[in-house]
Amino acid sequence: MRPNRWLRSGVILAFLMGACAPAATPTPTPPPPPPTPTAAAPAPSPTPA
């Protein structure tokens, strides 16, 4: 019965570690900004400045 108890405790420990690890370390990448209207506009005309 001892191996079963060790196995069960190990599984629970691994599950808790896996569930807590991502929550404790939030993603450092912020959400992407909304697309600007200029990005959707076609390429600029080839007229000289």
PDB file of N, CA and C in Angstrom:
ATOM      1  N   MET A   1       0.826  -1.204   0.000  1.00  0.00           N
ATOM      2  CA  MET A   1       0.000   0.000   0.000  1.00  0.00           C
ATOM      3  C   MET A   1       0.869   1.267   0.000  1.00  0.00           C
ATOM      4  N   ARG A   2       2.125   1.102   0.434  1.00  0.00           N
ATOM      5  CA  ARG A   2       2.991   2.276   0.499  1.00  0.00           C
ATOM      6  C   ARG A   2       3.294   2.826  -0.903  1.00  0.00           C
ATOM      7  N   PRO A   3       3.626   1.969  -1.885  1.00  0.00           N
ATOM      8  CA  PRO A   3       3.895   2.494  -3.241  1.00  0.00           C
ATOM      9  C   PRO A   3       2.702   3.259  -3.797  1.00  0.00           C
ATOM     10  N   ASN A   4       1.493   2.738  -3.541  1.00  0.00           N
ATOM     11  CA  ASN A   4       0.305   3.407  -4.054  1.00  0.00           C
ATOM     12  C   ASN A   4       0.170   4.792  -3.436  1.00  0.00           C
ATOM     13  N   ARG A   5       0.461   4.878  -2.147  1.00  0.00           N
ATOM     14  CA  ARG A   5       0.346   6.171  -1.467  1.00  0.00           C
ATOM     15  C   ARG A   5       1.383   7.152  -2.019  1.00  0.00           C
ATOM     16  N   TRP A   6       2.604   6.655  -2.249  1.00  0.00           N
ATOM     17  CA  TRP A   6       3.643   7.525  -2.803  1.00  0.00           C
ATOM     18  C   TRP A   6       3.252   7.988  -4.206  1.00  0.00           C
ATOM     19  N   LEU A   7       2.709   7.052  -4.990  1.00  0.00           N
ATOM     20  CA  LEU A   7       2.327   7.398  -6.353  1.00  0.00           C
ATOM     21  C   LEU A   7       1.220   8.445  -6.342  1.00  0.00           C
ATOM     22  N   ARG A   8       0.240   8.240  -5.481  1.00  0.00           N
ATOM     23  CA  ARG A   8      -0.882   9.181  -5.429  1.00  0.00           C
ATOM     24  C   ARG A   8      -0.403  10.564  -5.000  1.00  0.00           C
ATOM     25  N   SER A   9       0.450  10.611  -3.971  1.00  0.00           N
ATOM     26  CA  SER A   9       0.944  11.913  -3.496  1.00  0.00           C
ATOM     27  C   SER A   9       1.769  12.591  -4.596  1.00  0.00           C
ATOM     28  N   GLY A  10       2.549  11.800  -5.334  1.00  0.00           N
ATOM     29  CA  GLY A  10       3.357  12.366  -6.410  1.00  0.00           C
ATOM     30  C   GLY A  10       2.486  12.942  -7.512  1.00  0.00           C
ATOM     31  N   VAL A  11       1.423  12.245  -7.856  1.00  0.00           N
ATOM     32  CA  VAL A  11       0.521  12.725  -8.911  1.00  0.00           C
ATOM     33  C   VAL A  11      -0.154  14.015  -8.471  1.00  0.00           C
ATOM     34  N   ILE A  12      -0.610  14.040  -7.220  1.00  0.00           N
ATOM     35  CA  ILE A  12      -1.280  15.243  -6.711  1.00  0.00           C
ATOM     36  C   ILE A  12      -0.293  16.408  -6.668  1.00  0.00           C
ATOM     37  N   LEU A  13       0.935  16.112  -6.237  1.00  0.00           N
ATOM     38  CA  LEU A  13       1.942  17.171  -6.158  1.00  0.00           C
ATOM     39  C   LEU A  13       2.241  17.715  -7.553  1.00  0.00           C
ATOM     40  N   ALA A  14       2.404  16.815  -8.515  1.00  0.00           N
ATOM     41  CA  ALA A  14       2.697  17.247  -9.881  1.00  0.00           C
ATOM     42  C   ALA A  14       1.530  18.055 -10.446  1.00  0.00           C
ATOM     43  N   PHE A  15       0.316  17.627 -10.162  1.00  0.00           N
ATOM     44  CA  PHE A  15      -0.863  18.345 -10.658  1.00  0.00           C
ATOM     45  C   PHE A  15      -0.920  19.751 -10.064  1.00  0.00           C
ATOM     46  N   LEU A  16      -0.664  19.846  -8.756  1.00  0.00           N
ATOM     47  CA  LEU A  16      -0.704  21.163  -8.100  1.00  0.00           C
ATOM     48  C   LEU A  16       0.404  22.059  -8.643  1.00  0.00           C
ATOM     49  N   MET A  17       1.595  21.503  -8.823  1.00  0.00           N
ATOM     50  CA  MET A  17       2.710  22.305  -9.329  1.00  0.00           C
ATOM     51  C   MET A  17       2.393  22.796 -10.743  1.00  0.00           C
ATOM     52  N   GLY A  18       1.832  21.925 -11.573  1.00  0.00           N
ATOM     53  CA  GLY A  18       1.510  22.313 -12.943  1.00  0.00           C
ATOM     54  C   GLY A  18       0.389  23.337 -12.998  1.00  0.00           C
ATOM     55  N   ALA A  19      -0.557  23.254 -12.060  1.00  0.00           N
ATOM     56  CA  ALA A  19      -1.684  24.186 -12.067  1.00  0.00           C
ATOM     57  C   ALA A  19      -1.281  25.535 -11.484  1.00  0.00           C
ATOM     58  N   CYS A  20      -0.301  25.534 -10.573  1.00  0.00           N
ATOM     59  CA  CYS A  20       0.105  26.790  -9.922  1.00  0.00           C
ATOM     60  C   CYS A  20       1.202  27.503 -10.708  1.00  0.00           C
ATOM     61  N   ALA A  21       2.027  26.765 -11.433  1.00  0.00           N
ATOM     62  CA  ALA A  21       3.146  27.389 -12.143  1.00  0.00           C
ATOM     63  C   ALA A  21       2.658  28.444 -13.153  1.00  0.00           C
ATOM     64  N   PRO A  22       1.757  28.135 -14.069  1.00  0.00           N
ATOM     65  CA  PRO A  22       1.310  29.136 -15.048  1.00  0.00           C
ATOM     66  C   PRO A  22       0.578  30.298 -14.392  1.00  0.00           C
ATOM     67  N   ALA A  23      -0.165  30.045 -13.312  1.00  0.00           N
ATOM     68  CA  ALA A  23      -0.923  31.116 -12.661  1.00  0.00           C
ATOM     69  C   ALA A  23       0.016  32.082 -11.947  1.00  0.00           C
ATOM     70  N   ALA A  24       1.112  31.567 -11.390  1.00  0.00           N
ATOM     71  CA  ALA A  24       2.036  32.429 -10.645  1.00  0.00           C
ATOM     72  C   ALA A  24       2.860  33.286 -11.603  1.00  0.00           C
ATOM     73  N   THR A  25       3.088  32.800 -12.827  1.00  0.00           N
ATOM     74  CA  THR A  25       3.897  33.556 -13.786  1.00  0.00           C
ATOM     75  C   THR A  25       3.021  33.992 -14.960  1.00  0.00           C
ATOM     76  N   PRO A  26       2.433  35.186 -14.897  1.00  0.00           N
ATOM     77  CA  PRO A  26       1.580  35.654 -15.997  1.00  0.00           C
ATOM     78  C   PRO A  26       2.402  35.911 -17.251  1.00  0.00           C
ATOM     79  N   THR A  27       1.766  35.889 -18.388  1.00  0.00           N
ATOM     80  CA  THR A  27       2.478  36.092 -19.654  1.00  0.00           C
ATOM     81  C   THR A  27       2.962  37.539 -19.728  1.00  0.00           C
ATOM     82  N   PRO A  28       4.249  37.766 -19.984  1.00  0.00           N
ATOM     83  CA  PRO A  28       4.773  39.137 -20.043  1.00  0.00           C
ATOM     84  C   PRO A  28       4.362  39.874 -21.312  1.00  0.00           C
ATOM     85  N   THR A  29       3.886  39.146 -22.325  1.00  0.00           N
ATOM     86  CA  THR A  29       3.518  39.796 -23.586  1.00  0.00           C
ATOM     87  C   THR A  29       2.144  40.449 -23.454  1.00  0.00           C
ATOM     88  N   PRO A  30       2.041  41.766 -23.645  1.00  0.00           N
ATOM     89  CA  PRO A  30       0.746  42.446 -23.540  1.00  0.00           C
ATOM     90  C   PRO A  30      -0.117  42.135 -24.754  1.00  0.00           C
ATOM     91  N   PRO A  31      -1.422  42.380 -24.672  1.00  0.00           N
ATOM     92  CA  PRO A  31      -2.311  42.103 -25.817  1.00  0.00           C
ATOM     93  C   PRO A  31      -1.953  43.014 -26.990  1.00  0.00           C
ATOM     94  N   PRO A  32      -2.115  42.551 -28.221  1.00  0.00           N
ATOM     95  CA  PRO A  32      -1.757  43.371 -29.391  1.00  0.00           C
ATOM     96  C   PRO A  32      -2.677  44.580 -29.500  1.00  0.00           C
ATOM     97  N   PRO A  33      -2.167  45.739 -29.906  1.00  0.00           N
ATOM     98  CA  PRO A  33      -2.996  46.942 -30.023  1.00  0.00           C
ATOM     99  C   PRO A  33      -3.974  46.806 -31.180  1.00  0.00           C
ATOM    100  N   PRO A  34      -5.049  47.584 -31.187  1.00  0.00           N
ATOM    101  CA  PRO A  34      -6.031  47.494 -32.284  1.00  0.00           C
ATOM    102  C   PRO A  34      -5.394  47.945 -33.595  1.00  0.00           C
ATOM    103  N   PRO A  35      -5.809  47.378 -34.706  1.00  0.00           N
ATOM    104  CA  PRO A  35      -5.214  47.753 -36.001  1.00  0.00           C
ATOM    105  C   PRO A  35      -5.525  49.198 -36.356  1.00  0.00           C
ATOM    106  N   THR A  36      -4.525  49.923 -36.824  1.00  0.00           N
ATOM    107  CA  THR A  36      -4.732  51.335 -37.183  1.00  0.00           C
ATOM    108  C   THR A  36      -5.342  51.416 -38.582  1.00  0.00           C
ATOM    109  N   PRO A  37      -6.112  52.452 -38.863  1.00  0.00           N
ATOM    110  CA  PRO A  37      -6.736  52.577 -40.198  1.00  0.00           C
ATOM    111  C   PRO A  37      -5.686  52.712 -41.300  1.00  0.00           C
ATOM    112  N   THR A  38      -4.523  53.269 -40.973  1.00  0.00           N
ATOM    113  CA  THR A  38      -3.487  53.455 -41.993  1.00  0.00           C
ATOM    114  C   THR A  38      -2.930  52.103 -42.430  1.00  0.00           C
ATOM    115  N   ALA A  39      -2.918  51.123 -41.520  1.00  0.00           N
ATOM    116  CA  ALA A  39      -2.377  49.811 -41.860  1.00  0.00           C
ATOM    117  C   ALA A  39      -3.267  49.139 -42.903  1.00  0.00           C
ATOM    118  N   ALA A  40      -4.577  49.396 -42.831  1.00  0.00           N
ATOM    119  CA  ALA A  40      -5.504  48.764 -43.764  1.00  0.00           C
ATOM    120  C   ALA A  40      -5.521  49.508 -45.101  1.00  0.00           C
ATOM    121  N   ALA A  41      -5.042  50.754 -45.127  1.00  0.00           N
ATOM    122  CA  ALA A  41      -5.054  51.539 -46.366  1.00  0.00           C
ATOM    123  C   ALA A  41      -4.087  50.925 -47.381  1.00  0.00           C
ATOM    124  N   PRO A  42      -4.342  51.101 -48.674  1.00  0.00           N
ATOM    125  CA  PRO A  42      -3.456  50.541 -49.710  1.00  0.00           C
ATOM    126  C   PRO A  42      -2.103  51.248 -49.705  1.00  0.00           C
ATOM    127  N   ALA A  43      -1.174  50.752 -50.511  1.00  0.00           N
ATOM    128  CA  ALA A  43       0.171  51.338 -50.565  1.00  0.00           C
ATOM    129  C   ALA A  43       0.079  52.793 -51.024  1.00  0.00           C
ATOM    130  N   PRO A  44       0.975  53.662 -50.545  1.00  0.00           N
ATOM    131  CA  PRO A  44       0.938  55.086 -50.938  1.00  0.00           C
ATOM    132  C   PRO A  44       1.207  55.251 -52.431  1.00  0.00           C
ATOM    133  N   SER A  45       0.655  56.303 -52.996  1.00  0.00           N
ATOM    134  CA  SER A  45       0.839  56.535 -54.437  1.00  0.00           C
ATOM    135  C   SER A  45       2.298  56.904 -54.722  1.00  0.00           C
ATOM    136  N   PRO A  46       2.805  56.569 -55.898  1.00  0.00           N
ATOM    137  CA  PRO A  46       4.217  56.838 -56.230  1.00  0.00           C
ATOM    138  C   PRO A  46       4.491  58.286 -56.604  1.00  0.00           C
ATOM    139  N   THR A  47       3.604  59.210 -56.226  1.00  0.00           N
ATOM    140  CA  THR A  47       3.813  60.633 -56.576  1.00  0.00           C
ATOM    141  C   THR A  47       5.011  61.176 -55.802  1.00  0.00           C
ATOM    142  N   PRO A  48       5.857  61.977 -56.439  1.00  0.00           N
ATOM    143  CA  PRO A  48       7.032  62.539 -55.747  1.00  0.00           C
ATOM    144  C   PRO A  48       6.621  63.505 -54.646  1.00  0.00           C
ATOM    145  N   ALA A  49       7.398  63.586 -53.581  1.00  0.00           N
ATOM    146  CA  ALA A  49       7.049  64.458 -52.464  1.00  0.00           C
ATOM    147  C   ALA A  49       7.334  65.917 -52.824  1.00  0.00           C
TER     148      ALA A  49
END
